[in-house]
Amino acid sequence: MAHPLSRRRLLTLGTATLGALALGPHAHAAAPAAIPLPDGWQPEGITIGAGPYAYLGSLADGSLYRADLRTGTGKVISAGPGTPAVGLKIDPRGRLFVAARGSGARVVDARSGETLASYALATATPSFANDVVLTPRAAWFTESYQPVLYGLPLGRGGELPAAEDVVRLPLTGDWTQSTDGAINANGIARTPDGSALLVVQAGAGLLHRVDPATGITEAVDLGDAAPLTNGDGLLVRGRTLYAVQNRQNAVDVFRLAADGRTGVFQRRITDPAFDVPTTVAEYGGRLYLPNARFTTTPTSETTYSVTAVEA
């Protein structure tokens, strides 16, 4: 169903919306800089595929929403199971891999909204499956309360694994798990050369390089950059890393070594419209960040949006 404010909000987009429709999906100067979400949505994760559509999950009930980046309009494509949808990624086959906090993970067909598979990831409590990254061979999920990554190995042609084939990879090496209630592993991405994973440890403000074959971690040397306190979503494009720091309302930009072992701070992106942005996706030179508004008490009438800024 379309969200209840779509018509009213469309009218407020006016010229920007008409310009985007007339000029096509790459007319980003005319596309809306703010994309409204349904009231009460409580967004956290965002993903964008090859086309000009963003997909967002709801922390409130796990529903999934598709937004047209050209017009700002959208609709719910999959009703949630009543458990949160946190981080998510879409693959070339149109499948959404969704981290579902304590409920593990699920895979949803973005076209039909059908749930293709569900996985109980954790073997210990408490559990918080937080974010996900896709590689050619697996979907890797972070776990914020236990020192482990979860993997869904993908078969030939991208076949989904059976429930018993879930990989649980303990984090060792430089990783020191916080036990004071802080969020540990949060955002996740691949190194520029694809040889390893990058995981931000939010409470400690550290970025780690993780060998997906062994779980051995190395702290990434970011030079004199400030710590990634409240580090959340990560995005790697070429050798550029975008690291969201949610409660700082900022995205820090780094130039990474190809293997991800070192990085140099480049700049900080802020915007007055940021209201605790959590994750980030890119399309056509623009970054799109959902405002989770964690400092605002959520109700069914709380407004939410996605903010677009230049990459």
Protein backbone atom coordinates (compact mmCIF):
# COMPACT_ATOMS: atom_id res chain seq x y z
CA MET A 1 0.00 0.00 0.00
CA ALA A 2 1.18 3.57 -0.56
CA HIS A 3 1.96 5.49 2.57
CA PRO A 4 -0.81 7.78 3.84
CA LEU A 5 1.00 11.08 3.31
CA SER A 6 2.25 10.42 -0.21
CA ARG A 7 -0.27 12.68 -1.95
CA ARG A 8 0.17 15.61 0.40
CA ARG A 9 3.96 15.30 0.42
CA LEU A 10 4.03 14.97 -3.39
CA LEU A 11 2.35 18.35 -3.65
CA THR A 12 5.09 19.90 -1.51
CA LEU A 13 7.80 18.49 -3.81
CA GLY A 14 6.37 20.46 -6.73
CA THR A 15 8.91 21.58 -9.31
CA ALA A 16 11.64 19.23 -8.09
CA THR A 17 9.41 16.23 -8.65
CA LEU A 18 8.30 17.36 -12.12
CA GLY A 19 11.89 18.12 -13.10
CA ALA A 20 13.08 14.71 -12.02
CA LEU A 21 10.33 13.01 -14.00
CA ALA A 22 11.07 15.06 -17.11
CA LEU A 23 14.84 14.71 -17.03
CA GLY A 24 15.11 11.05 -15.99
CA PRO A 25 16.83 9.07 -13.23
CA HIS A 26 20.22 10.78 -13.52
CA ALA A 27 18.88 14.33 -13.09
CA HIS A 28 19.99 14.42 -9.47
CA ALA A 29 20.05 18.21 -9.21
CA ALA A 30 16.28 18.15 -9.73
CA ALA A 31 15.53 15.03 -7.70
CA PRO A 32 14.23 15.60 -4.16
CA ALA A 33 16.77 16.09 -1.39
CA ALA A 34 14.28 14.76 1.17
CA ILE A 35 12.27 11.58 0.71
CA PRO A 36 9.35 11.15 3.13
CA LEU A 37 8.68 7.80 4.73
CA PRO A 38 5.42 6.59 6.26
CA ASP A 39 4.62 8.11 9.65
CA GLY A 40 5.82 5.89 12.48
CA TRP A 41 8.17 3.97 10.16
CA GLN A 42 11.34 4.03 12.32
CA PRO A 43 13.93 3.46 9.57
CA GLU A 44 17.44 2.12 10.11
CA GLY A 45 18.84 0.33 7.06
CA ILE A 46 18.88 1.44 3.42
CA THR A 47 20.01 -0.24 0.20
CA ILE A 48 19.92 0.79 -3.46
CA GLY A 49 20.32 -1.53 -6.43
CA ALA A 50 21.05 -0.75 -10.07
CA GLY A 51 17.87 1.28 -10.56
CA PRO A 52 16.76 4.52 -8.91
CA TYR A 53 14.94 2.84 -6.02
CA ALA A 54 15.88 2.76 -2.34
CA TYR A 55 14.68 0.02 -0.02
CA LEU A 56 14.24 0.65 3.70
CA GLY A 57 13.25 -1.54 6.60
CA SER A 58 11.13 -0.64 9.62
CA LEU A 59 12.36 -1.12 13.16
CA ALA A 60 8.73 -0.99 14.27
CA ASP A 61 7.46 -4.16 12.58
CA GLY A 62 9.96 -5.28 9.92
CA SER A 63 7.99 -4.02 6.92
CA LEU A 64 9.94 -3.08 3.78
CA TYR A 65 9.44 0.11 1.77
CA ARG A 66 10.55 1.05 -1.74
CA ALA A 67 11.14 4.74 -2.54
CA ASP A 68 11.58 6.20 -6.02
CA LEU A 69 14.65 8.46 -5.88
CA ARG A 70 13.40 10.51 -8.83
CA THR A 71 10.09 11.51 -7.31
CA GLY A 72 10.26 10.82 -3.57
CA THR A 73 7.14 8.65 -3.72
CA GLY A 74 7.02 5.05 -2.58
CA LYS A 75 5.07 2.14 -1.19
CA VAL A 76 5.29 -0.73 1.26
CA ILE A 77 6.38 -3.81 -0.70
CA SER A 78 6.37 -6.35 2.12
CA ALA A 79 4.39 -6.38 5.36
CA GLY A 80 6.60 -7.12 8.33
CA PRO A 81 6.44 -10.15 10.61
CA GLY A 82 6.30 -7.93 13.71
CA THR A 83 10.05 -8.09 14.41
CA PRO A 84 12.55 -5.35 13.50
CA ALA A 85 14.24 -4.93 10.14
CA VAL A 86 17.65 -3.37 10.74
CA GLY A 87 20.39 -3.39 8.06
CA LEU A 88 19.58 -4.70 4.59
CA LYS A 89 21.20 -5.18 1.17
CA ILE A 90 19.78 -6.04 -2.26
CA ASP A 91 21.54 -8.42 -4.65
CA PRO A 92 21.43 -8.45 -8.48
CA ARG A 93 18.67 -11.07 -8.34
CA GLY A 94 16.35 -8.64 -6.56
CA ARG A 95 16.61 -10.36 -3.18
CA LEU A 96 16.73 -8.33 0.02
CA PHE A 97 18.92 -9.76 2.79
CA VAL A 98 17.54 -8.35 6.05
CA ALA A 99 19.14 -8.32 9.50
CA ALA A 100 16.35 -8.88 12.00
CA ARG A 101 17.97 -8.15 15.34
CA GLY A 102 17.20 -10.98 17.82
CA SER A 103 15.16 -12.83 15.20
CA GLY A 104 18.15 -13.56 12.98
CA ALA A 105 17.80 -12.83 9.26
CA ARG A 106 15.41 -13.24 6.38
CA VAL A 107 15.60 -12.99 2.60
CA VAL A 108 12.74 -11.26 0.77
CA ASP A 109 11.91 -11.02 -2.93
CA ALA A 110 11.87 -7.28 -3.64
CA ARG A 111 9.40 -7.72 -6.50
CA SER A 112 6.73 -9.86 -4.85
CA GLY A 113 7.43 -9.11 -1.18
CA GLU A 114 7.54 -12.86 -0.50
CA THR A 115 9.84 -14.13 2.24
CA LEU A 116 12.13 -16.64 0.54
CA ALA A 117 13.96 -17.89 3.64
CA SER A 118 14.42 -17.15 7.34
CA TYR A 119 17.46 -17.96 9.48
CA ALA A 120 18.01 -18.16 13.24
CA LEU A 121 21.56 -16.86 13.38
CA ALA A 122 22.49 -16.74 17.06
CA THR A 123 23.39 -19.59 19.38
CA ALA A 124 23.80 -17.31 22.42
CA THR A 125 21.79 -14.51 24.02
CA PRO A 126 21.45 -11.61 23.97
CA SER A 127 21.65 -11.27 20.20
CA PHE A 128 21.46 -8.32 17.82
CA ALA A 129 21.93 -9.08 14.11
CA ASN A 130 22.59 -5.53 13.00
CA ASP A 131 23.92 -5.03 9.49
CA VAL A 132 24.78 -7.03 6.37
CA VAL A 133 27.13 -6.98 3.39
CA LEU A 134 27.04 -9.15 0.29
CA THR A 135 30.07 -10.79 -1.28
CA PRO A 136 30.14 -13.11 -4.31
CA ARG A 137 30.08 -16.12 -1.98
CA ALA A 138 28.16 -15.09 1.12
CA ALA A 139 26.00 -12.63 2.99
CA TRP A 140 27.78 -11.55 6.19
CA PHE A 141 25.86 -10.17 9.19
CA THR A 142 27.26 -8.30 12.17
CA GLU A 143 26.29 -9.25 15.73
CA SER A 144 26.33 -6.33 18.15
CA TYR A 145 26.17 -8.28 21.41
CA GLN A 146 28.47 -11.24 20.73
CA PRO A 147 32.02 -11.33 19.21
CA VAL A 148 30.95 -13.16 16.07
CA LEU A 149 29.92 -12.65 12.46
CA TYR A 150 27.21 -14.73 10.82
CA GLY A 151 27.52 -15.93 7.24
CA LEU A 152 24.99 -17.27 4.78
CA PRO A 153 27.10 -19.13 2.18
CA LEU A 154 25.66 -18.80 -1.31
CA GLY A 155 25.71 -21.73 -3.70
CA ARG A 156 26.29 -21.87 -7.43
CA GLY A 157 23.98 -19.36 -9.06
CA GLY A 158 23.38 -17.67 -5.71
CA GLU A 159 21.32 -20.47 -4.16
CA LEU A 160 20.38 -19.78 -0.56
CA PRO A 161 21.76 -22.11 2.11
CA ALA A 162 19.88 -24.47 4.35
CA ALA A 163 19.33 -23.37 7.95
CA GLU A 164 21.99 -25.75 9.23
CA ASP A 165 24.63 -24.22 6.93
CA VAL A 166 24.80 -20.84 8.70
CA VAL A 167 28.42 -19.92 9.44
CA ARG A 168 29.28 -18.51 12.86
CA LEU A 169 32.71 -16.85 12.71
CA PRO A 170 34.28 -15.86 16.08
CA LEU A 171 36.18 -12.56 16.01
CA THR A 172 39.75 -12.84 17.30
CA GLY A 173 43.02 -10.94 16.90
CA ASP A 174 42.71 -7.23 17.74
CA TRP A 175 39.00 -7.53 18.56
CA THR A 176 38.15 -6.84 22.22
CA GLN A 177 34.46 -7.24 22.97
CA SER A 178 32.92 -4.58 25.19
CA THR A 179 30.76 -5.96 28.00
CA ASP A 180 29.40 -2.66 29.33
CA GLY A 181 26.26 -2.69 27.20
CA ALA A 182 27.72 -0.62 24.35
CA ILE A 183 27.10 -1.58 20.74
CA ASN A 184 30.03 -3.58 19.41
CA ALA A 185 30.01 -4.72 15.75
CA ASN A 186 27.72 -2.49 13.72
CA GLY A 187 28.25 -1.45 10.10
CA ILE A 188 30.01 -3.77 7.65
CA ALA A 189 31.50 -3.43 4.17
CA ARG A 190 34.15 -5.05 1.94
CA THR A 191 37.68 -3.78 1.53
CA PRO A 192 38.31 -2.07 -1.83
CA ASP A 193 40.12 -5.14 -3.19
CA GLY A 194 37.46 -7.51 -1.85
CA SER A 195 39.97 -9.53 0.17
CA ALA A 196 38.43 -8.91 3.60
CA LEU A 197 35.58 -7.30 5.52
CA LEU A 198 35.51 -3.96 7.33
CA VAL A 199 33.51 -3.79 10.57
CA VAL A 200 33.01 -0.72 12.74
CA GLN A 201 32.95 -1.28 16.50
CA ALA A 202 30.61 1.52 17.48
CA GLY A 203 31.16 1.84 21.22
CA ALA A 204 34.95 1.63 20.94
CA GLY A 205 35.10 3.93 17.91
CA LEU A 206 37.31 1.47 16.01
CA LEU A 207 37.34 0.16 12.47
CA HIS A 208 38.48 -3.44 12.03
CA ARG A 209 39.62 -5.48 9.03
CA VAL A 210 38.27 -9.04 9.34
CA ASP A 211 39.56 -12.06 7.45
CA PRO A 212 36.35 -13.93 6.51
CA ALA A 213 38.22 -17.23 6.37
CA THR A 214 39.60 -17.09 9.92
CA GLY A 215 37.85 -14.33 11.88
CA ILE A 216 41.21 -12.74 12.69
CA THR A 217 40.79 -8.97 12.99
CA GLU A 218 43.24 -6.12 12.63
CA ALA A 219 42.51 -2.59 13.79
CA VAL A 220 42.57 -0.32 10.72
CA ASP A 221 45.09 2.50 11.04
CA LEU A 222 43.13 5.71 10.36
CA GLY A 223 46.01 8.00 11.33
CA ASP A 224 45.10 11.03 13.38
CA ALA A 225 41.40 10.88 12.56
CA ALA A 226 38.94 11.16 15.42
CA PRO A 227 37.54 7.81 16.60
CA LEU A 228 34.42 6.47 14.89
CA THR A 229 32.35 6.91 18.02
CA ASN A 230 28.72 5.99 17.28
CA GLY A 231 29.97 4.45 14.02
CA ASP A 232 27.06 2.92 12.15
CA GLY A 233 26.60 2.21 8.45
CA LEU A 234 29.62 1.82 6.15
CA LEU A 235 29.82 2.28 2.39
CA VAL A 236 32.87 1.62 0.20
CA ARG A 237 32.99 3.03 -3.34
CA GLY A 238 36.30 2.40 -5.06
CA ARG A 239 38.84 3.26 -2.37
CA THR A 240 36.56 5.76 -0.63
CA LEU A 241 34.97 4.80 2.68
CA TYR A 242 31.91 6.63 3.97
CA ALA A 243 31.43 5.99 7.70
CA VAL A 244 28.18 7.20 9.30
CA GLN A 245 28.38 8.41 12.90
CA ASN A 246 24.75 8.49 13.87
CA ARG A 247 24.44 10.69 16.95
CA GLN A 248 27.09 13.04 15.61
CA ASN A 249 24.89 13.67 12.56
CA ALA A 250 27.92 13.20 10.34
CA VAL A 251 29.56 11.04 7.69
CA ASP A 252 33.35 10.82 7.78
CA VAL A 253 35.09 10.15 4.48
CA PHE A 254 38.38 8.23 4.21
CA ARG A 255 40.75 7.19 1.45
CA LEU A 256 41.56 3.52 2.04
CA ALA A 257 44.46 1.35 1.02
CA ALA A 258 43.29 -1.33 -1.40
CA ASP A 259 43.55 -4.03 1.27
CA GLY A 260 41.75 -1.87 3.85
CA ARG A 261 44.56 -1.93 6.42
CA THR A 262 45.05 1.84 6.48
CA GLY A 263 43.01 4.91 5.73
CA VAL A 264 43.45 8.67 5.54
CA PHE A 265 40.73 11.08 6.65
CA GLN A 266 39.49 13.28 3.79
CA ARG A 267 36.52 15.30 5.04
CA ARG A 268 33.31 15.30 7.05
CA ILE A 269 29.83 15.56 5.54
CA THR A 270 27.07 17.16 7.61
CA ASP A 271 23.68 18.53 6.74
CA PRO A 272 21.05 20.48 8.74
CA ALA A 273 18.48 17.84 7.76
CA PHE A 274 20.38 15.01 9.44
CA ASP A 275 18.49 13.68 12.47
CA VAL A 276 20.53 10.70 13.67
CA PRO A 277 21.28 9.14 10.27
CA THR A 278 22.16 5.48 10.60
CA THR A 279 23.16 3.92 7.28
CA VAL A 280 24.10 5.08 3.80
CA ALA A 281 23.64 4.04 0.17
CA GLU A 282 24.73 5.73 -3.05
CA TYR A 283 23.13 6.35 -6.40
CA GLY A 284 24.45 8.54 -9.21
CA GLY A 285 26.82 10.60 -7.08
CA ARG A 286 24.41 11.16 -4.21
CA LEU A 287 24.42 9.63 -0.75
CA TYR A 288 21.08 8.66 0.79
CA LEU A 289 20.76 8.41 4.57
CA PRO A 290 17.66 7.48 6.60
CA ASN A 291 17.06 9.64 9.66
CA ALA A 292 16.35 7.24 12.52
CA ARG A 293 15.59 10.07 14.97
CA PHE A 294 16.73 8.02 17.96
CA THR A 295 16.57 11.12 20.17
CA THR A 296 12.83 11.47 19.45
CA THR A 297 10.33 9.21 21.21
CA PRO A 298 8.69 7.19 18.42
CA THR A 299 4.94 7.16 18.00
CA SER A 300 2.65 6.10 15.18
CA GLU A 301 2.56 9.75 14.07
CA THR A 302 6.30 10.52 14.22
CA THR A 303 7.55 11.68 10.81
CA TYR A 304 10.63 10.15 9.16
CA SER A 305 12.61 10.85 6.02
CA VAL A 306 15.69 10.07 3.96
CA THR A 307 18.18 12.87 3.35
CA ALA A 308 20.18 13.06 0.10
CA VAL A 309 23.55 14.82 -0.02
CA GLU A 310 26.33 15.02 -2.60
CA ALA A 311 28.88 12.22 -2.22
